[in-house]
Amino acid sequence: MKTLRDSVLRLAVRQQSWLRREHWRRVQMVMVILRRSLLRSLRRDAGLTRRQRGYVLGLRANLPRASVVTAHKTRCRVSGRTHQAFRDVQLARLQLRQQFGEGRLLA
């Protein structure tokens, strides 16, 4: 039989894994931005040959675009769910119904 404590612990573990993924995503975003700026400055370097500039341009083209890296999904602050999460309260539809039912949120 599931208890309230078990469900709270499962939510805590799920939220911790979501926080780890979110941190990793932000680190990757910073790394891509740094690589793009480094490759942009290398491409402008006057000491490079035309072939080397083409190689640098190809490396830069293979990096994801900044808009893709920084794309933000609205997530539920309780469950980490992305689908059907409301921006105003930062809760998923299911959590919103549950908290209304328990009386934690007012209409």
PDB file of N, CA and C in Angstrom:
ATOM      1  N   MET A   1       0.832  -1.180   0.000  1.00  0.00           N
ATOM      2  CA  MET A   1       0.000   0.000   0.000  1.00  0.00           C
ATOM      3  C   MET A   1       0.881   1.249   0.000  1.00  0.00           C
ATOM      4  N   LYS A   2       0.558   2.171  -0.895  1.00  0.00           N
ATOM      5  CA  LYS A   2       1.333   3.392  -0.996  1.00  0.00           C
ATOM      6  C   LYS A   2       0.932   4.366   0.105  1.00  0.00           C
ATOM      7  N   THR A   3       1.928   4.989   0.669  1.00  0.00           N
ATOM      8  CA  THR A   3       1.648   5.995   1.671  1.00  0.00           C
ATOM      9  C   THR A   3       1.980   7.368   1.103  1.00  0.00           C
ATOM     10  N   LEU A   4       1.575   8.396   1.818  1.00  0.00           N
ATOM     11  CA  LEU A   4       1.857   9.766   1.395  1.00  0.00           C
ATOM     12  C   LEU A   4       3.359  10.009   1.390  1.00  0.00           C
ATOM     13  N   ARG A   5       4.043   9.434   2.358  1.00  0.00           N
ATOM     14  CA  ARG A   5       5.499   9.615   2.445  1.00  0.00           C
ATOM     15  C   ARG A   5       6.193   9.036   1.217  1.00  0.00           C
ATOM     16  N   ASP A   6       5.755   7.863   0.754  1.00  0.00           N
ATOM     17  CA  ASP A   6       6.345   7.243  -0.426  1.00  0.00           C
ATOM     18  C   ASP A   6       6.154   8.122  -1.658  1.00  0.00           C
ATOM     19  N   SER A   7       4.958   8.666  -1.817  1.00  0.00           N
ATOM     20  CA  SER A   7       4.705   9.509  -2.985  1.00  0.00           C
ATOM     21  C   SER A   7       5.506  10.799  -2.916  1.00  0.00           C
ATOM     22  N   VAL A   8       5.670  11.358  -1.722  1.00  0.00           N
ATOM     23  CA  VAL A   8       6.474  12.580  -1.568  1.00  0.00           C
ATOM     24  C   VAL A   8       7.933  12.288  -1.884  1.00  0.00           C
ATOM     25  N   LEU A   9       8.431  11.142  -1.429  1.00  0.00           N
ATOM     26  CA  LEU A   9       9.814  10.778  -1.718  1.00  0.00           C
ATOM     27  C   LEU A   9      10.028  10.567  -3.211  1.00  0.00           C
ATOM     28  N   ARG A  10       9.044   9.936  -3.877  1.00  0.00           N
ATOM     29  CA  ARG A  10       9.160   9.748  -5.323  1.00  0.00           C
ATOM     30  C   ARG A  10       9.179  11.086  -6.048  1.00  0.00           C
ATOM     31  N   LEU A  11       8.335  12.028  -5.605  1.00  0.00           N
ATOM     32  CA  LEU A  11       8.327  13.359  -6.213  1.00  0.00           C
ATOM     33  C   LEU A  11       9.660  14.072  -5.986  1.00  0.00           C
ATOM     34  N   ALA A  12      10.229  13.913  -4.792  1.00  0.00           N
ATOM     35  CA  ALA A  12      11.506  14.560  -4.498  1.00  0.00           C
ATOM     36  C   ALA A  12      12.607  14.005  -5.392  1.00  0.00           C
ATOM     37  N   VAL A  13      12.626  12.698  -5.599  1.00  0.00           N
ATOM     38  CA  VAL A  13      13.638  12.082  -6.464  1.00  0.00           C
ATOM     39  C   VAL A  13      13.453  12.550  -7.904  1.00  0.00           C
ATOM     40  N   ARG A  14      12.200  12.614  -8.361  1.00  0.00           N
ATOM     41  CA  ARG A  14      11.914  13.061  -9.717  1.00  0.00           C
ATOM     42  C   ARG A  14      12.344  14.520  -9.908  1.00  0.00           C
ATOM     43  N   GLN A  15      12.107  15.341  -8.886  1.00  0.00           N
ATOM     44  CA  GLN A  15      12.476  16.746  -8.985  1.00  0.00           C
ATOM     45  C   GLN A  15      13.995  16.905  -8.984  1.00  0.00           C
ATOM     46  N   GLN A  16      14.706  16.089  -8.219  1.00  0.00           N
ATOM     47  CA  GLN A  16      16.159  16.158  -8.205  1.00  0.00           C
ATOM     48  C   GLN A  16      16.724  15.765  -9.557  1.00  0.00           C
ATOM     49  N   SER A  17      16.163  14.735 -10.183  1.00  0.00           N
ATOM     50  CA  SER A  17      16.661  14.341 -11.497  1.00  0.00           C
ATOM     51  C   SER A  17      16.358  15.426 -12.519  1.00  0.00           C
ATOM     52  N   TRP A  18      15.205  16.088 -12.378  1.00  0.00           N
ATOM     53  CA  TRP A  18      14.888  17.197 -13.277  1.00  0.00           C
ATOM     54  C   TRP A  18      15.874  18.341 -13.087  1.00  0.00           C
ATOM     55  N   LEU A  19      16.241  18.643 -11.833  1.00  0.00           N
ATOM     56  CA  LEU A  19      17.199  19.717 -11.571  1.00  0.00           C
ATOM     57  C   LEU A  19      18.570  19.384 -12.147  1.00  0.00           C
ATOM     58  N   ARG A  20      18.971  18.115 -12.063  1.00  0.00           N
ATOM     59  CA  ARG A  20      20.250  17.714 -12.663  1.00  0.00           C
ATOM     60  C   ARG A  20      20.219  17.891 -14.173  1.00  0.00           C
ATOM     61  N   ARG A  21      19.105  17.483 -14.816  1.00  0.00           N
ATOM     62  CA  ARG A  21      18.987  17.659 -16.267  1.00  0.00           C
ATOM     63  C   ARG A  21      18.992  19.131 -16.646  1.00  0.00           C
ATOM     64  N   GLU A  22      18.297  19.946 -15.869  1.00  0.00           N
ATOM     65  CA  GLU A  22      18.233  21.380 -16.149  1.00  0.00           C
ATOM     66  C   GLU A  22      19.611  22.018 -16.015  1.00  0.00           C
ATOM     67  N   HIS A  23      20.353  21.625 -14.978  1.00  0.00           N
ATOM     68  CA  HIS A  23      21.717  22.151 -14.808  1.00  0.00           C
ATOM     69  C   HIS A  23      22.603  21.731 -15.974  1.00  0.00           C
ATOM     70  N   TRP A  24      22.521  20.479 -16.378  1.00  0.00           N
ATOM     71  CA  TRP A  24      23.311  19.984 -17.500  1.00  0.00           C
ATOM     72  C   TRP A  24      22.961  20.720 -18.790  1.00  0.00           C
ATOM     73  N   ARG A  25      21.680  20.997 -18.997  1.00  0.00           N
ATOM     74  CA  ARG A  25      21.254  21.732 -20.184  1.00  0.00           C
ATOM     75  C   ARG A  25      21.843  23.138 -20.193  1.00  0.00           C
ATOM     76  N   ARG A  26      21.858  23.795 -19.039  1.00  0.00           N
ATOM     77  CA  ARG A  26      22.421  25.140 -18.964  1.00  0.00           C
ATOM     78  C   ARG A  26      23.925  25.135 -19.192  1.00  0.00           C
ATOM     79  N   VAL A  27      24.615  24.146 -18.656  1.00  0.00           N
ATOM     80  CA  VAL A  27      26.066  24.042 -18.883  1.00  0.00           C
ATOM     81  C   VAL A  27      26.339  23.839 -20.365  1.00  0.00           C
ATOM     82  N   GLN A  28      25.565  22.966 -21.006  1.00  0.00           N
ATOM     83  CA  GLN A  28      25.746  22.739 -22.442  1.00  0.00           C
ATOM     84  C   GLN A  28      25.465  24.000 -23.244  1.00  0.00           C
ATOM     85  N   MET A  29      24.469  24.775 -22.831  1.00  0.00           N
ATOM     86  CA  MET A  29      24.138  26.014 -23.517  1.00  0.00           C
ATOM     87  C   MET A  29      25.319  26.983 -23.465  1.00  0.00           C
ATOM     88  N   VAL A  30      25.925  27.120 -22.295  1.00  0.00           N
ATOM     89  CA  VAL A  30      27.072  28.018 -22.148  1.00  0.00           C
ATOM     90  C   VAL A  30      28.240  27.529 -22.999  1.00  0.00           C
ATOM     91  N   MET A  31      28.464  26.219 -23.026  1.00  0.00           N
ATOM     92  CA  MET A  31      29.569  25.673 -23.820  1.00  0.00           C
ATOM     93  C   MET A  31      29.367  25.943 -25.309  1.00  0.00           C
ATOM     94  N   VAL A  32      28.156  25.795 -25.794  1.00  0.00           N
ATOM     95  CA  VAL A  32      27.880  26.039 -27.211  1.00  0.00           C
ATOM     96  C   VAL A  32      28.066  27.513 -27.541  1.00  0.00           C
ATOM     97  N   ILE A  33      27.614  28.389 -26.652  1.00  0.00           N
ATOM     98  CA  ILE A  33      27.780  29.825 -26.887  1.00  0.00           C
ATOM     99  C   ILE A  33      29.253  30.184 -26.928  1.00  0.00           C
ATOM    100  N   LEU A  34      30.038  29.612 -26.030  1.00  0.00           N
ATOM    101  CA  LEU A  34      31.487  29.875 -26.038  1.00  0.00           C
ATOM    102  C   LEU A  34      32.154  29.345 -27.304  1.00  0.00           C
ATOM    103  N   ARG A  35      31.769  28.150 -27.732  1.00  0.00           N
ATOM    104  CA  ARG A  35      32.349  27.592 -28.962  1.00  0.00           C
ATOM    105  C   ARG A  35      32.003  28.443 -30.174  1.00  0.00           C
ATOM    106  N   ARG A  36      30.748  28.900 -30.237  1.00  0.00           N
ATOM    107  CA  ARG A  36      30.342  29.733 -31.367  1.00  0.00           C
ATOM    108  C   ARG A  36      31.141  31.024 -31.411  1.00  0.00           C
ATOM    109  N   SER A  37      31.331  31.665 -30.259  1.00  0.00           N
ATOM    110  CA  SER A  37      32.082  32.920 -30.244  1.00  0.00           C
ATOM    111  C   SER A  37      33.554  32.687 -30.568  1.00  0.00           C
ATOM    112  N   LEU A  38      34.128  31.573 -30.088  1.00  0.00           N
ATOM    113  CA  LEU A  38      35.520  31.256 -30.413  1.00  0.00           C
ATOM    114  C   LEU A  38      35.694  30.999 -31.902  1.00  0.00           C
ATOM    115  N   LEU A  39      34.793  30.227 -32.486  1.00  0.00           N
ATOM    116  CA  LEU A  39      34.887  29.941 -33.921  1.00  0.00           C
ATOM    117  C   LEU A  39      34.630  31.191 -34.758  1.00  0.00           C
ATOM    118  N   ARG A  40      33.781  32.081 -34.281  1.00  0.00           N
ATOM    119  CA  ARG A  40      33.539  33.337 -34.997  1.00  0.00           C
ATOM    120  C   ARG A  40      34.805  34.186 -35.014  1.00  0.00           C
ATOM    121  N   SER A  41      35.498  34.257 -33.862  1.00  0.00           N
ATOM    122  CA  SER A  41      36.735  35.040 -33.820  1.00  0.00           C
ATOM    123  C   SER A  41      37.842  34.369 -34.635  1.00  0.00           C
ATOM    124  N   LEU A  42      37.885  33.033 -34.653  1.00  0.00           N
ATOM    125  CA  LEU A  42      38.888  32.331 -35.472  1.00  0.00           C
ATOM    126  C   LEU A  42      38.663  32.573 -36.960  1.00  0.00           C
ATOM    127  N   ARG A  43      37.402  32.612 -37.367  1.00  0.00           N
ATOM    128  CA  ARG A  43      37.101  32.820 -38.778  1.00  0.00           C
ATOM    129  C   ARG A  43      37.561  34.194 -39.249  1.00  0.00           C
ATOM    130  N   ARG A  44      37.546  35.169 -38.352  1.00  0.00           N
ATOM    131  CA  ARG A  44      37.970  36.530 -38.705  1.00  0.00           C
ATOM    132  C   ARG A  44      39.475  36.721 -38.631  1.00  0.00           C
ATOM    133  N   ASP A  45      40.203  35.718 -38.161  1.00  0.00           N
ATOM    134  CA  ASP A  45      41.651  35.825 -38.023  1.00  0.00           C
ATOM    135  C   ASP A  45      42.305  35.978 -39.396  1.00  0.00           C
ATOM    136  N   ALA A  46      43.166  36.988 -39.527  1.00  0.00           N
ATOM    137  CA  ALA A  46      43.790  37.281 -40.814  1.00  0.00           C
ATOM    138  C   ALA A  46      44.897  36.276 -41.152  1.00  0.00           C
ATOM    139  N   GLY A  47      45.424  35.577 -40.166  1.00  0.00           N
ATOM    140  CA  GLY A  47      46.528  34.661 -40.411  1.00  0.00           C
ATOM    141  C   GLY A  47      46.108  33.307 -40.964  1.00  0.00           C
ATOM    142  N   LEU A  48      44.842  33.051 -41.082  1.00  0.00           N
ATOM    143  CA  LEU A  48      44.374  31.757 -41.575  1.00  0.00           C
ATOM    144  C   LEU A  48      44.282  31.759 -43.097  1.00  0.00           C
ATOM    145  N   THR A  49      44.523  30.592 -43.654  1.00  0.00           N
ATOM    146  CA  THR A  49      44.338  30.446 -45.095  1.00  0.00           C
ATOM    147  C   THR A  49      42.851  30.297 -45.396  1.00  0.00           C
ATOM    148  N   ARG A  50      42.539  30.349 -46.664  1.00  0.00           N
ATOM    149  CA  ARG A  50      41.141  30.237 -47.081  1.00  0.00           C
ATOM    150  C   ARG A  50      40.563  28.855 -46.722  1.00  0.00           C
ATOM    151  N   ARG A  51      41.398  27.838 -46.862  1.00  0.00           N
ATOM    152  CA  ARG A  51      40.967  26.486 -46.540  1.00  0.00           C
ATOM    153  C   ARG A  51      40.687  26.324 -45.044  1.00  0.00           C
ATOM    154  N   GLN A  52      41.550  26.915 -44.222  1.00  0.00           N
ATOM    155  CA  GLN A  52      41.362  26.842 -42.780  1.00  0.00           C
ATOM    156  C   GLN A  52      40.099  27.593 -42.350  1.00  0.00           C
ATOM    157  N   ARG A  53      39.848  28.731 -42.996  1.00  0.00           N
ATOM    158  CA  ARG A  53      38.627  29.480 -42.691  1.00  0.00           C
ATOM    159  C   ARG A  53      37.385  28.672 -43.054  1.00  0.00           C
ATOM    160  N   GLY A  54      37.450  27.962 -44.164  1.00  0.00           N
ATOM    161  CA  GLY A  54      36.334  27.107 -44.553  1.00  0.00           C
ATOM    162  C   GLY A  54      36.101  25.989 -43.560  1.00  0.00           C
ATOM    163  N   TYR A  55      37.179  25.432 -43.044  1.00  0.00           N
ATOM    164  CA  TYR A  55      37.074  24.373 -42.039  1.00  0.00           C
ATOM    165  C   TYR A  55      36.416  24.908 -40.771  1.00  0.00           C
ATOM    166  N   VAL A  56      36.859  26.091 -40.322  1.00  0.00           N
ATOM    167  CA  VAL A  56      36.278  26.711 -39.125  1.00  0.00           C
ATOM    168  C   VAL A  56      34.804  27.018 -39.355  1.00  0.00           C
ATOM    169  N   LEU A  57      34.471  27.484 -40.547  1.00  0.00           N
ATOM    170  CA  LEU A  57      33.081  27.782 -40.873  1.00  0.00           C
ATOM    171  C   LEU A  57      32.232  26.509 -40.828  1.00  0.00           C
ATOM    172  N   GLY A  58      32.791  25.398 -41.294  1.00  0.00           N
ATOM    173  CA  GLY A  58      32.073  24.120 -41.232  1.00  0.00           C
ATOM    174  C   GLY A  58      31.854  23.650 -39.810  1.00  0.00           C
ATOM    175  N   LEU A  59      32.860  23.841 -38.959  1.00  0.00           N
ATOM    176  CA  LEU A  59      32.700  23.477 -37.549  1.00  0.00           C
ATOM    177  C   LEU A  59      31.601  24.304 -36.890  1.00  0.00           C
ATOM    178  N   ARG A  60      31.578  25.589 -37.225  1.00  0.00           N
ATOM    179  CA  ARG A  60      30.567  26.473 -36.638  1.00  0.00           C
ATOM    180  C   ARG A  60      29.169  26.119 -37.153  1.00  0.00           C
ATOM    181  N   ALA A  61      29.089  25.704 -38.393  1.00  0.00           N
ATOM    182  CA  ALA A  61      27.789  25.357 -38.960  1.00  0.00           C
ATOM    183  C   ALA A  61      27.211  24.094 -38.313  1.00  0.00           C
ATOM    184  N   ASN A  62      28.071  23.216 -37.807  1.00  0.00           N
ATOM    185  CA  ASN A  62      27.591  21.975 -37.190  1.00  0.00           C
ATOM    186  C   ASN A  62      27.096  22.169 -35.759  1.00  0.00           C
ATOM    187  N   LEU A  63      27.397  23.325 -35.157  1.00  0.00           N
ATOM    188  CA  LEU A  63      26.908  23.584 -33.803  1.00  0.00           C
ATOM    189  C   LEU A  63      25.419  23.921 -33.851  1.00  0.00           C
ATOM    190  N   PRO A  64      24.682  23.589 -32.807  1.00  0.00           N
ATOM    191  CA  PRO A  64      23.266  23.953 -32.804  1.00  0.00           C
ATOM    192  C   PRO A  64      23.096  25.461 -32.731  1.00  0.00           C
ATOM    193  N   ARG A  65      22.012  25.949 -33.291  1.00  0.00           N
ATOM    194  CA  ARG A  65      21.726  27.377 -33.262  1.00  0.00           C
ATOM    195  C   ARG A  65      21.436  27.814 -31.834  1.00  0.00           C
ATOM    196  N   ALA A  66      21.673  29.062 -31.567  1.00  0.00           N
ATOM    197  CA  ALA A  66      21.468  29.584 -30.211  1.00  0.00           C
ATOM    198  C   ALA A  66      20.009  29.465 -29.796  1.00  0.00           C
ATOM    199  N   SER A  67      19.096  29.622 -30.739  1.00  0.00           N
ATOM    200  CA  SER A  67      17.682  29.543 -30.385  1.00  0.00           C
ATOM    201  C   SER A  67      17.292  28.129 -29.964  1.00  0.00           C
ATOM    202  N   VAL A  68      17.940  27.125 -30.540  1.00  0.00           N
ATOM    203  CA  VAL A  68      17.632  25.741 -30.175  1.00  0.00           C
ATOM    204  C   VAL A  68      18.191  25.427 -28.793  1.00  0.00           C
ATOM    205  N   VAL A  69      19.379  25.930 -28.510  1.00  0.00           N
ATOM    206  CA  VAL A  69      20.020  25.624 -27.240  1.00  0.00           C
ATOM    207  C   VAL A  69      19.289  26.293 -26.086  1.00  0.00           C
ATOM    208  N   THR A  70      18.807  27.511 -26.302  1.00  0.00           N
ATOM    209  CA  THR A  70      18.190  28.253 -25.211  1.00  0.00           C
ATOM    210  C   THR A  70      16.677  28.081 -25.166  1.00  0.00           C
ATOM    211  N   ALA A  71      16.141  27.155 -25.941  1.00  0.00           N
ATOM    212  CA  ALA A  71      14.691  26.959 -25.936  1.00  0.00           C
ATOM    213  C   ALA A  71      14.236  26.594 -24.530  1.00  0.00           C
ATOM    214  N   HIS A  72      13.184  27.225 -24.097  1.00  0.00           N
ATOM    215  CA  HIS A  72      12.713  27.012 -22.724  1.00  0.00           C
ATOM    216  C   HIS A  72      11.322  26.400 -22.753  1.00  0.00           C
ATOM    217  N   LYS A  73      11.159  25.342 -22.003  1.00  0.00           N
ATOM    218  CA  LYS A  73       9.859  24.711 -21.850  1.00  0.00           C
ATOM    219  C   LYS A  73       9.332  25.056 -20.470  1.00  0.00           C
ATOM    220  N   THR A  74       8.063  25.397 -20.405  1.00  0.00           N
ATOM    221  CA  THR A  74       7.447  25.638 -19.111  1.00  0.00           C
ATOM    222  C   THR A  74       7.278  24.290 -18.412  1.00  0.00           C
ATOM    223  N   ARG A  75       7.791  24.200 -17.193  1.00  0.00           N
ATOM    224  CA  ARG A  75       7.728  22.951 -16.450  1.00  0.00           C
ATOM    225  C   ARG A  75       6.948  23.149 -15.155  1.00  0.00           C
ATOM    226  N   CYS A  76       6.348  22.060 -14.713  1.00  0.00           N
ATOM    227  CA  CYS A  76       5.658  22.058 -13.428  1.00  0.00           C
ATOM    228  C   CYS A  76       6.715  22.063 -12.323  1.00  0.00           C
ATOM    229  N   ARG A  77       6.551  22.931 -11.337  1.00  0.00           N
ATOM    230  CA  ARG A  77       7.563  23.013 -10.279  1.00  0.00           C
ATOM    231  C   ARG A  77       7.473  21.853  -9.297  1.00  0.00           C
ATOM    232  N   VAL A  78       6.364  21.100  -9.322  1.00  0.00           N
ATOM    233  CA  VAL A  78       6.195  19.963  -8.421  1.00  0.00           C
ATOM    234  C   VAL A  78       6.672  18.673  -9.081  1.00  0.00           C
ATOM    235  N   SER A  79       6.137  18.396 -10.270  1.00  0.00           N
ATOM    236  CA  SER A  79       6.421  17.105 -10.899  1.00  0.00           C
ATOM    237  C   SER A  79       7.451  17.185 -12.024  1.00  0.00           C
ATOM    238  N   GLY A  80       7.749  18.381 -12.520  1.00  0.00           N
ATOM    239  CA  GLY A  80       8.697  18.516 -13.618  1.00  0.00           C
ATOM    240  C   GLY A  80       8.081  18.236 -14.975  1.00  0.00           C
ATOM    241  N   ARG A  81       6.778  18.061 -15.041  1.00  0.00           N
ATOM    242  CA  ARG A  81       6.083  17.739 -16.283  1.00  0.00           C
ATOM    243  C   ARG A  81       6.079  18.947 -17.217  1.00  0.00           C
ATOM    244  N   THR A  82       6.309  18.704 -18.520  1.00  0.00           N
ATOM    245  CA  THR A  82       6.322  19.799 -19.483  1.00  0.00           C
ATOM    246  C   THR A  82       4.987  19.967 -20.177  1.00  0.00           C
ATOM    247  N   HIS A  83       4.263  18.884 -20.356  1.00  0.00           N
ATOM    248  CA  HIS A  83       2.994  18.957 -21.064  1.00  0.00           C
ATOM    249  C   HIS A  83       1.910  19.483 -20.133  1.00  0.00           C
ATOM    250  N   GLN A  84       1.088  20.360 -20.654  1.00  0.00           N
ATOM    251  CA  GLN A  84      -0.058  20.911 -19.939  1.00  0.00           C
ATOM    252  C   GLN A  84       0.368  21.606 -18.651  1.00  0.00           C
ATOM    253  N   ALA A  85       1.475  22.358 -18.704  1.00  0.00           N
ATOM    254  CA  ALA A  85       1.929  23.130 -17.555  1.00  0.00           C
ATOM    255  C   ALA A  85       1.551  24.590 -17.773  1.00  0.00           C
ATOM    256  N   PHE A  86       0.904  25.175 -16.791  1.00  0.00           N
ATOM    257  CA  PHE A  86       0.469  26.559 -16.890  1.00  0.00           C
ATOM    258  C   PHE A  86       1.579  27.502 -16.441  1.00  0.00           C
ATOM    259  N   ARG A  87       1.816  28.550 -17.227  1.00  0.00           N
ATOM    260  CA  ARG A  87       2.884  29.498 -16.914  1.00  0.00           C
ATOM    261  C   ARG A  87       2.592  30.301 -15.652  1.00  0.00           C
ATOM    262  N   ASP A  88       1.344  30.684 -15.463  1.00  0.00           N
ATOM    263  CA  ASP A  88       0.994  31.579 -14.359  1.00  0.00           C
ATOM    264  C   ASP A  88       1.331  30.977 -13.000  1.00  0.00           C
ATOM    265  N   VAL A  89       0.972  29.730 -12.803  1.00  0.00           N
ATOM    266  CA  VAL A  89       1.164  29.086 -11.499  1.00  0.00           C
ATOM    267  C   VAL A  89       2.309  28.076 -11.517  1.00  0.00           C
ATOM    268  N   GLN A  90       2.902  27.831 -12.661  1.00  0.00           N
ATOM    269  CA  GLN A  90       3.987  26.866 -12.836  1.00  0.00           C
ATOM    270  C   GLN A  90       3.609  25.484 -12.301  1.00  0.00           C
ATOM    271  N   LEU A  91       2.393  25.079 -12.635  1.00  0.00           N
ATOM    272  CA  LEU A  91       1.919  23.767 -12.232  1.00  0.00           C
ATOM    273  C   LEU A  91       1.313  23.051 -13.431  1.00  0.00           C
ATOM    274  N   ALA A  92       1.459  21.750 -13.450  1.00  0.00           N
ATOM    275  CA  ALA A  92       0.809  20.947 -14.476  1.00  0.00           C
ATOM    276  C   ALA A  92      -0.679  20.822 -14.143  1.00  0.00           C
ATOM    277  N   ARG A  93      -1.449  20.484 -15.141  1.00  0.00           N
ATOM    278  CA  ARG A  93      -2.893  20.367 -14.975  1.00  0.00           C
ATOM    279  C   ARG A  93      -3.248  19.372 -13.862  1.00  0.00           C
ATOM    280  N   LEU A  94      -2.540  18.260 -13.830  1.00  0.00           N
ATOM    281  CA  LEU A  94      -2.836  17.231 -12.827  1.00  0.00           C
ATOM    282  C   LEU A  94      -2.543  17.724 -11.410  1.00  0.00           C
ATOM    283  N   GLN A  95      -1.407  18.409 -11.244  1.00  0.00           N
ATOM    284  CA  GLN A  95      -1.052  18.938  -9.923  1.00  0.00           C
ATOM    285  C   GLN A  95      -2.022  20.043  -9.507  1.00  0.00           C
ATOM    286  N   LEU A  96      -2.455  20.834 -10.491  1.00  0.00           N
ATOM    287  CA  LEU A  96      -3.404  21.907 -10.209  1.00  0.00           C
ATOM    288  C   LEU A  96      -4.714  21.331  -9.678  1.00  0.00           C
ATOM    289  N   ARG A  97      -5.217  20.285 -10.323  1.00  0.00           N
ATOM    290  CA  ARG A  97      -6.457  19.643  -9.865  1.00  0.00           C
ATOM    291  C   ARG A  97      -6.280  19.042  -8.476  1.00  0.00           C
ATOM    292  N   GLN A  98      -5.128  18.411  -8.262  1.00  0.00           N
ATOM    293  CA  GLN A  98      -4.883  17.771  -6.974  1.00  0.00           C
ATOM    294  C   GLN A  98      -4.822  18.811  -5.856  1.00  0.00           C
ATOM    295  N   GLN A  99      -4.143  19.937  -6.102  1.00  0.00           N
ATOM    296  CA  GLN A  99      -4.005  20.946  -5.059  1.00  0.00           C
ATOM    297  C   GLN A  99      -5.310  21.692  -4.810  1.00  0.00           C
ATOM    298  N   PHE A 100      -6.137  21.884  -5.858  1.00  0.00           N
ATOM    299  CA  PHE A 100      -7.464  22.452  -5.655  1.00  0.00           C
ATOM    300  C   PHE A 100      -8.301  21.515  -4.787  1.00  0.00           C
ATOM    301  N   GLY A 101      -8.216  20.228  -5.066  1.00  0.00           N
ATOM    302  CA  GLY A 101      -8.994  19.246  -4.307  1.00  0.00           C
ATOM    303  C   GLY A 101      -8.585  19.188  -2.847  1.00  0.00           C
ATOM    304  N   GLU A 102      -7.291  19.363  -2.577  1.00  0.00           N
ATOM    305  CA  GLU A 102      -6.811  19.328  -1.205  1.00  0.00           C
ATOM    306  C   GLU A 102      -6.988  20.661  -0.478  1.00  0.00           C
ATOM    307  N   GLY A 103      -7.376  21.696  -1.221  1.00  0.00           N
ATOM    308  CA  GLY A 103      -7.632  22.999  -0.611  1.00  0.00           C
ATOM    309  C   GLY A 103      -6.387  23.858  -0.451  1.00  0.00           C
ATOM    310  N   ARG A 104      -5.284  23.484  -1.095  1.00  0.00           N
ATOM    311  CA  ARG A 104      -4.053  24.287  -0.993  1.00  0.00           C
ATOM    312  C   ARG A 104      -4.098  25.528  -1.875  1.00  0.00           C
ATOM    313  N   LEU A 105      -4.881  25.484  -2.961  1.00  0.00           N
ATOM    314  CA  LEU A 105      -5.033  26.634  -3.863  1.00  0.00           C
ATOM    315  C   LEU A 105      -6.462  27.116  -3.834  1.00  0.00           C
ATOM    316  N   LEU A 106      -6.611  28.417  -3.977  1.00  0.00           N
ATOM    317  CA  LEU A 106      -7.941  29.001  -4.017  1.00  0.00           C
ATOM    318  C   LEU A 106      -8.218  29.489  -5.436  1.00  0.00           C
ATOM    319  N   ALA A 107      -9.485  29.455  -5.835  1.00  0.00           N
ATOM    320  CA  ALA A 107      -9.859  29.864  -7.189  1.00  0.00           C
ATOM    321  C   ALA A 107      -9.748  31.344  -7.412  1.00  0.00           C
TER     322      ALA A 107
END
